[in-house]
Amino acid sequence: MTGLALASGSVLLGTVLAAVAALATDHPAPSAQIRLPDQRLCTYVGPQPRQSEFDTLLSYDCGDGLGIQGAVTVDGTQMILDRERRASFRQDPGIRLETVRFLIAEIRLADGTLCRHAGDGATLAFDGKRLNYTCGRSIGLIGDLAVGAGGVFEVEKANLSGTSLVSSEVVTIHRLGAVSR
């Protein structure tokens, strides 16, 4: 009877582990937050744009009823987006749309690792992918950022030993944008 109970327990444990693994792969990566140069933190609103108080459709909510309209574009280490700004109250109490291009100076990965822009000059490259961000002495981010569906941003995280690439993996970004003050 003990052997039967042990075998049943193993089957049950295997079933539970398989269910947990399935749940982990069924949940998409969380969307990233974007920090604007004016320090506003913008959060993805979901697959359906949300209507703002000014009857515009927002893809990211930046607080105060304002946000980012449409898609966010990444060009190398630059981010391009259309953000809402309050218009001058003397002229028009509404909003105006402003296309903003700024350096993605800081990236916080989903695991909490903080990475900063490595600069525009000469730097290391691995397999044709430039080291764009450093995250301490032995970790860096290489290549281009990937903008995925659902507000998810990903990047290749490299483990380094001096000037050699030890390993790399694609990881999810938690927050990216201007440097926090």
C-alpha atoms as a PDB file:
ATOM      1  CA  MET A   1       0.000   0.000   0.000  1.00  0.00           C
ATOM      2  CA  THR A   2       2.861   2.381   0.732  1.00  0.00           C
ATOM      3  CA  GLY A   3       4.274   1.857  -2.778  1.00  0.00           C
ATOM      4  CA  LEU A   4       0.863   2.583  -4.297  1.00  0.00           C
ATOM      5  CA  ALA A   5       0.448   5.753  -2.198  1.00  0.00           C
ATOM      6  CA  LEU A   6       3.924   6.913  -3.189  1.00  0.00           C
ATOM      7  CA  ALA A   7       3.212   6.284  -6.865  1.00  0.00           C
ATOM      8  CA  SER A   8      -0.118   8.135  -6.620  1.00  0.00           C
ATOM      9  CA  GLY A   9       1.618  11.035  -4.861  1.00  0.00           C
ATOM     10  CA  SER A  10       4.252  11.195  -7.608  1.00  0.00           C
ATOM     11  CA  VAL A  11       1.561  11.277 -10.290  1.00  0.00           C
ATOM     12  CA  LEU A  12      -0.268  14.010  -8.387  1.00  0.00           C
ATOM     13  CA  LEU A  13       2.933  16.020  -7.925  1.00  0.00           C
ATOM     14  CA  GLY A  14       3.744  15.634 -11.636  1.00  0.00           C
ATOM     15  CA  THR A  15       0.254  16.812 -12.569  1.00  0.00           C
ATOM     16  CA  VAL A  16       0.526  19.844 -10.265  1.00  0.00           C
ATOM     17  CA  LEU A  17       3.961  20.768 -11.648  1.00  0.00           C
ATOM     18  CA  ALA A  18       2.690  20.456 -15.229  1.00  0.00           C
ATOM     19  CA  ALA A  19      -0.281  22.703 -14.405  1.00  0.00           C
ATOM     20  CA  VAL A  20       1.997  25.322 -12.800  1.00  0.00           C
ATOM     21  CA  ALA A  21       4.305  25.251 -15.843  1.00  0.00           C
ATOM     22  CA  ALA A  22       1.322  25.681 -18.174  1.00  0.00           C
ATOM     23  CA  LEU A  23       0.084  28.661 -16.162  1.00  0.00           C
ATOM     24  CA  ALA A  24       3.516  30.274 -16.263  1.00  0.00           C
ATOM     25  CA  THR A  25       3.670  30.067 -20.053  1.00  0.00           C
ATOM     26  CA  ASP A  26       0.034  31.136 -20.555  1.00  0.00           C
ATOM     27  CA  HIS A  27       0.572  34.492 -18.816  1.00  0.00           C
ATOM     28  CA  PRO A  28       2.229  37.045 -21.076  1.00  0.00           C
ATOM     29  CA  ALA A  29       5.031  39.241 -19.805  1.00  0.00           C
ATOM     30  CA  PRO A  30       3.868  42.384 -18.024  1.00  0.00           C
ATOM     31  CA  SER A  31       3.842  45.624 -19.976  1.00  0.00           C
ATOM     32  CA  ALA A  32       6.593  48.142 -19.347  1.00  0.00           C
ATOM     33  CA  GLN A  33       6.200  51.603 -17.882  1.00  0.00           C
ATOM     34  CA  ILE A  34       7.671  54.572 -19.752  1.00  0.00           C
ATOM     35  CA  ARG A  35       9.348  57.469 -17.933  1.00  0.00           C
ATOM     36  CA  LEU A  36       9.076  60.693 -19.933  1.00  0.00           C
ATOM     37  CA  PRO A  37      11.732  63.441 -19.809  1.00  0.00           C
ATOM     38  CA  ASP A  38       9.373  65.522 -17.609  1.00  0.00           C
ATOM     39  CA  GLN A  39       9.448  62.573 -15.140  1.00  0.00           C
ATOM     40  CA  ARG A  40       5.837  61.497 -15.706  1.00  0.00           C
ATOM     41  CA  LEU A  41       5.512  57.733 -15.473  1.00  0.00           C
ATOM     42  CA  CYS A  42       3.191  56.266 -18.112  1.00  0.00           C
ATOM     43  CA  THR A  43       1.469  52.884 -17.825  1.00  0.00           C
ATOM     44  CA  TYR A  44       0.092  50.788 -20.682  1.00  0.00           C
ATOM     45  CA  VAL A  45      -3.729  50.839 -20.622  1.00  0.00           C
ATOM     46  CA  GLY A  46      -4.317  47.493 -22.322  1.00  0.00           C
ATOM     47  CA  PRO A  47      -5.047  46.191 -25.803  1.00  0.00           C
ATOM     48  CA  GLN A  48      -7.946  48.608 -26.284  1.00  0.00           C
ATOM     49  CA  PRO A  49      -6.994  52.303 -26.136  1.00  0.00           C
ATOM     50  CA  ARG A  50      -8.714  54.159 -23.298  1.00  0.00           C
ATOM     51  CA  GLN A  51     -10.667  57.347 -23.863  1.00  0.00           C
ATOM     52  CA  SER A  52      -9.263  60.326 -21.986  1.00  0.00           C
ATOM     53  CA  GLU A  53     -11.220  63.174 -20.452  1.00  0.00           C
ATOM     54  CA  PHE A  54     -10.476  65.130 -23.658  1.00  0.00           C
ATOM     55  CA  ASP A  55     -12.060  62.439 -25.898  1.00  0.00           C
ATOM     56  CA  THR A  56      -8.714  61.208 -27.219  1.00  0.00           C
ATOM     57  CA  LEU A  57      -7.642  57.562 -27.281  1.00  0.00           C
ATOM     58  CA  LEU A  58      -4.682  56.764 -25.033  1.00  0.00           C
ATOM     59  CA  SER A  59      -2.367  53.774 -25.316  1.00  0.00           C
ATOM     60  CA  TYR A  60      -0.509  54.812 -22.120  1.00  0.00           C
ATOM     61  CA  ASP A  61      -1.901  56.723 -19.134  1.00  0.00           C
ATOM     62  CA  CYS A  62       0.527  59.285 -17.709  1.00  0.00           C
ATOM     63  CA  GLY A  63      -1.696  60.616 -14.929  1.00  0.00           C
ATOM     64  CA  ASP A  64      -3.675  63.854 -14.692  1.00  0.00           C
ATOM     65  CA  GLY A  65      -5.959  62.598 -17.472  1.00  0.00           C
ATOM     66  CA  LEU A  66      -3.124  62.889 -20.019  1.00  0.00           C
ATOM     67  CA  GLY A  67      -1.207  60.185 -21.827  1.00  0.00           C
ATOM     68  CA  ILE A  68       0.489  58.798 -24.907  1.00  0.00           C
ATOM     69  CA  GLN A  69      -1.527  58.367 -28.090  1.00  0.00           C
ATOM     70  CA  GLY A  70      -0.835  55.599 -30.591  1.00  0.00           C
ATOM     71  CA  ALA A  71       2.184  53.357 -30.889  1.00  0.00           C
ATOM     72  CA  VAL A  72       5.549  53.930 -29.254  1.00  0.00           C
ATOM     73  CA  THR A  73       8.545  53.606 -31.588  1.00  0.00           C
ATOM     74  CA  VAL A  74      12.123  52.732 -30.643  1.00  0.00           C
ATOM     75  CA  ASP A  75      14.949  53.779 -32.972  1.00  0.00           C
ATOM     76  CA  GLY A  76      18.232  52.483 -31.580  1.00  0.00           C
ATOM     77  CA  THR A  77      18.409  54.032 -28.109  1.00  0.00           C
ATOM     78  CA  GLN A  78      15.844  56.736 -28.896  1.00  0.00           C
ATOM     79  CA  MET A  79      12.118  56.585 -28.148  1.00  0.00           C
ATOM     80  CA  ILE A  80       9.567  58.421 -30.288  1.00  0.00           C
ATOM     81  CA  LEU A  81       5.989  58.933 -29.121  1.00  0.00           C
ATOM     82  CA  ASP A  82       3.026  61.299 -29.297  1.00  0.00           C
ATOM     83  CA  ARG A  83       2.223  62.665 -25.867  1.00  0.00           C
ATOM     84  CA  GLU A  84      -0.559  64.932 -24.749  1.00  0.00           C
ATOM     85  CA  ARG A  85       0.232  68.238 -23.048  1.00  0.00           C
ATOM     86  CA  ARG A  86      -2.118  70.749 -21.558  1.00  0.00           C
ATOM     87  CA  ALA A  87      -2.588  73.714 -23.832  1.00  0.00           C
ATOM     88  CA  SER A  88      -2.195  77.246 -22.562  1.00  0.00           C
ATOM     89  CA  PHE A  89      -5.293  77.999 -20.530  1.00  0.00           C
ATOM     90  CA  ARG A  90      -5.369  81.566 -21.884  1.00  0.00           C
ATOM     91  CA  GLN A  91      -5.671  80.342 -25.473  1.00  0.00           C
ATOM     92  CA  ASP A  92      -7.348  76.953 -25.270  1.00  0.00           C
ATOM     93  CA  PRO A  93      -8.236  74.975 -22.152  1.00  0.00           C
ATOM     94  CA  GLY A  94      -7.806  71.655 -24.000  1.00  0.00           C
ATOM     95  CA  ILE A  95      -4.738  69.657 -24.898  1.00  0.00           C
ATOM     96  CA  ARG A  96      -2.189  69.624 -27.667  1.00  0.00           C
ATOM     97  CA  LEU A  97      -0.353  66.660 -29.115  1.00  0.00           C
ATOM     98  CA  GLU A  98       3.428  66.799 -29.200  1.00  0.00           C
ATOM     99  CA  THR A  99       5.765  64.306 -30.901  1.00  0.00           C
ATOM    100  CA  VAL A 100       8.662  63.699 -28.532  1.00  0.00           C
ATOM    101  CA  ARG A 101      11.991  62.009 -29.286  1.00  0.00           C
ATOM    102  CA  PHE A 102      14.295  61.319 -26.364  1.00  0.00           C
ATOM    103  CA  LEU A 103      17.172  59.124 -25.248  1.00  0.00           C
ATOM    104  CA  ILE A 104      16.228  55.943 -23.420  1.00  0.00           C
ATOM    105  CA  ALA A 105      18.806  56.664 -20.745  1.00  0.00           C
ATOM    106  CA  GLU A 106      17.712  54.135 -18.150  1.00  0.00           C
ATOM    107  CA  ILE A 107      16.205  50.641 -18.246  1.00  0.00           C
ATOM    108  CA  ARG A 108      14.990  48.603 -15.288  1.00  0.00           C
ATOM    109  CA  LEU A 109      14.598  44.923 -16.118  1.00  0.00           C
ATOM    110  CA  ALA A 110      11.802  42.753 -14.733  1.00  0.00           C
ATOM    111  CA  ASP A 111      14.317  41.142 -12.339  1.00  0.00           C
ATOM    112  CA  GLY A 112      15.126  44.578 -10.847  1.00  0.00           C
ATOM    113  CA  THR A 113      18.480  45.085 -12.606  1.00  0.00           C
ATOM    114  CA  LEU A 114      19.100  48.783 -13.378  1.00  0.00           C
ATOM    115  CA  CYS A 115      20.929  49.589 -16.626  1.00  0.00           C
ATOM    116  CA  ARG A 116      22.175  52.929 -17.944  1.00  0.00           C
ATOM    117  CA  HIS A 117      22.982  54.085 -21.453  1.00  0.00           C
ATOM    118  CA  ALA A 118      26.605  53.280 -22.372  1.00  0.00           C
ATOM    119  CA  GLY A 119      27.041  56.416 -24.470  1.00  0.00           C
ATOM    120  CA  ASP A 120      27.282  57.022 -28.191  1.00  0.00           C
ATOM    121  CA  GLY A 121      31.022  56.520 -28.678  1.00  0.00           C
ATOM    122  CA  ALA A 122      33.041  53.355 -29.161  1.00  0.00           C
ATOM    123  CA  THR A 123      31.959  50.378 -27.090  1.00  0.00           C
ATOM    124  CA  LEU A 124      31.957  46.583 -27.226  1.00  0.00           C
ATOM    125  CA  ALA A 125      29.908  44.589 -29.715  1.00  0.00           C
ATOM    126  CA  PHE A 126      29.066  40.889 -29.787  1.00  0.00           C
ATOM    127  CA  ASP A 127      27.845  39.083 -32.914  1.00  0.00           C
ATOM    128  CA  GLY A 128      27.188  42.468 -34.517  1.00  0.00           C
ATOM    129  CA  LYS A 129      25.128  43.694 -31.537  1.00  0.00           C
ATOM    130  CA  ARG A 130      26.371  46.847 -29.820  1.00  0.00           C
ATOM    131  CA  LEU A 131      26.615  47.055 -26.025  1.00  0.00           C
ATOM    132  CA  ASN A 132      24.115  49.909 -25.561  1.00  0.00           C
ATOM    133  CA  TYR A 133      23.544  49.720 -21.788  1.00  0.00           C
ATOM    134  CA  THR A 134      25.697  48.724 -18.830  1.00  0.00           C
ATOM    135  CA  CYS A 135      24.212  47.153 -15.720  1.00  0.00           C
ATOM    136  CA  GLY A 136      27.253  46.924 -13.476  1.00  0.00           C
ATOM    137  CA  ARG A 137      30.652  45.375 -14.157  1.00  0.00           C
ATOM    138  CA  SER A 138      29.584  42.079 -15.708  1.00  0.00           C
ATOM    139  CA  ILE A 139      26.123  42.633 -17.213  1.00  0.00           C
ATOM    140  CA  GLY A 140      25.065  44.659 -20.229  1.00  0.00           C
ATOM    141  CA  LEU A 141      22.254  44.988 -22.739  1.00  0.00           C
ATOM    142  CA  ILE A 142      23.166  44.321 -26.358  1.00  0.00           C
ATOM    143  CA  GLY A 143      21.423  44.943 -29.648  1.00  0.00           C
ATOM    144  CA  ASP A 144      18.127  46.667 -30.292  1.00  0.00           C
ATOM    145  CA  LEU A 145      15.148  46.823 -27.967  1.00  0.00           C
ATOM    146  CA  ALA A 146      12.173  44.826 -29.193  1.00  0.00           C
ATOM    147  CA  VAL A 147       8.740  46.422 -28.963  1.00  0.00           C
ATOM    148  CA  GLY A 148       6.140  43.691 -28.656  1.00  0.00           C
ATOM    149  CA  ALA A 149       2.388  43.566 -28.470  1.00  0.00           C
ATOM    150  CA  GLY A 150       0.684  44.522 -25.253  1.00  0.00           C
ATOM    151  CA  GLY A 151       3.179  47.185 -24.211  1.00  0.00           C
ATOM    152  CA  VAL A 152       5.915  44.590 -23.674  1.00  0.00           C
ATOM    153  CA  PHE A 153       9.521  45.584 -24.348  1.00  0.00           C
ATOM    154  CA  GLU A 154      12.356  43.049 -24.466  1.00  0.00           C
ATOM    155  CA  VAL A 155      16.130  43.215 -24.791  1.00  0.00           C
ATOM    156  CA  GLU A 156      19.094  40.841 -24.861  1.00  0.00           C
ATOM    157  CA  LYS A 157      20.841  40.719 -21.474  1.00  0.00           C
ATOM    158  CA  ALA A 158      24.507  39.712 -21.745  1.00  0.00           C
ATOM    159  CA  ASN A 159      26.677  38.208 -19.027  1.00  0.00           C
ATOM    160  CA  LEU A 160      30.232  39.415 -19.600  1.00  0.00           C
ATOM    161  CA  SER A 161      33.700  38.494 -18.403  1.00  0.00           C
ATOM    162  CA  GLY A 162      35.924  41.441 -19.203  1.00  0.00           C
ATOM    163  CA  THR A 163      35.494  41.952 -22.936  1.00  0.00           C
ATOM    164  CA  SER A 164      34.117  38.452 -23.589  1.00  0.00           C
ATOM    165  CA  LEU A 165      30.500  37.379 -23.885  1.00  0.00           C
ATOM    166  CA  VAL A 166      29.802  34.484 -21.497  1.00  0.00           C
ATOM    167  CA  SER A 167      26.080  34.047 -22.213  1.00  0.00           C
ATOM    168  CA  SER A 168      22.988  36.004 -23.129  1.00  0.00           C
ATOM    169  CA  GLU A 169      19.212  35.739 -22.936  1.00  0.00           C
ATOM    170  CA  VAL A 170      16.215  37.811 -23.987  1.00  0.00           C
ATOM    171  CA  VAL A 171      14.554  39.411 -20.949  1.00  0.00           C
ATOM    172  CA  THR A 172      11.530  41.592 -20.253  1.00  0.00           C
ATOM    173  CA  ILE A 173      11.853  45.289 -19.412  1.00  0.00           C
ATOM    174  CA  HIS A 174       9.910  46.657 -16.426  1.00  0.00           C
ATOM    175  CA  ARG A 175      10.532  50.390 -16.971  1.00  0.00           C
ATOM    176  CA  LEU A 176      12.419  52.425 -19.555  1.00  0.00           C
ATOM    177  CA  GLY A 177      12.917  56.014 -20.544  1.00  0.00           C
ATOM    178  CA  ALA A 178      14.472  59.158 -19.180  1.00  0.00           C
ATOM    179  CA  VAL A 179      16.697  59.036 -16.094  1.00  0.00           C
ATOM    180  CA  SER A 180      14.729  59.172 -12.853  1.00  0.00           C
ATOM    181  CA  ARG A 181      15.606  62.092 -10.598  1.00  0.00           C
END
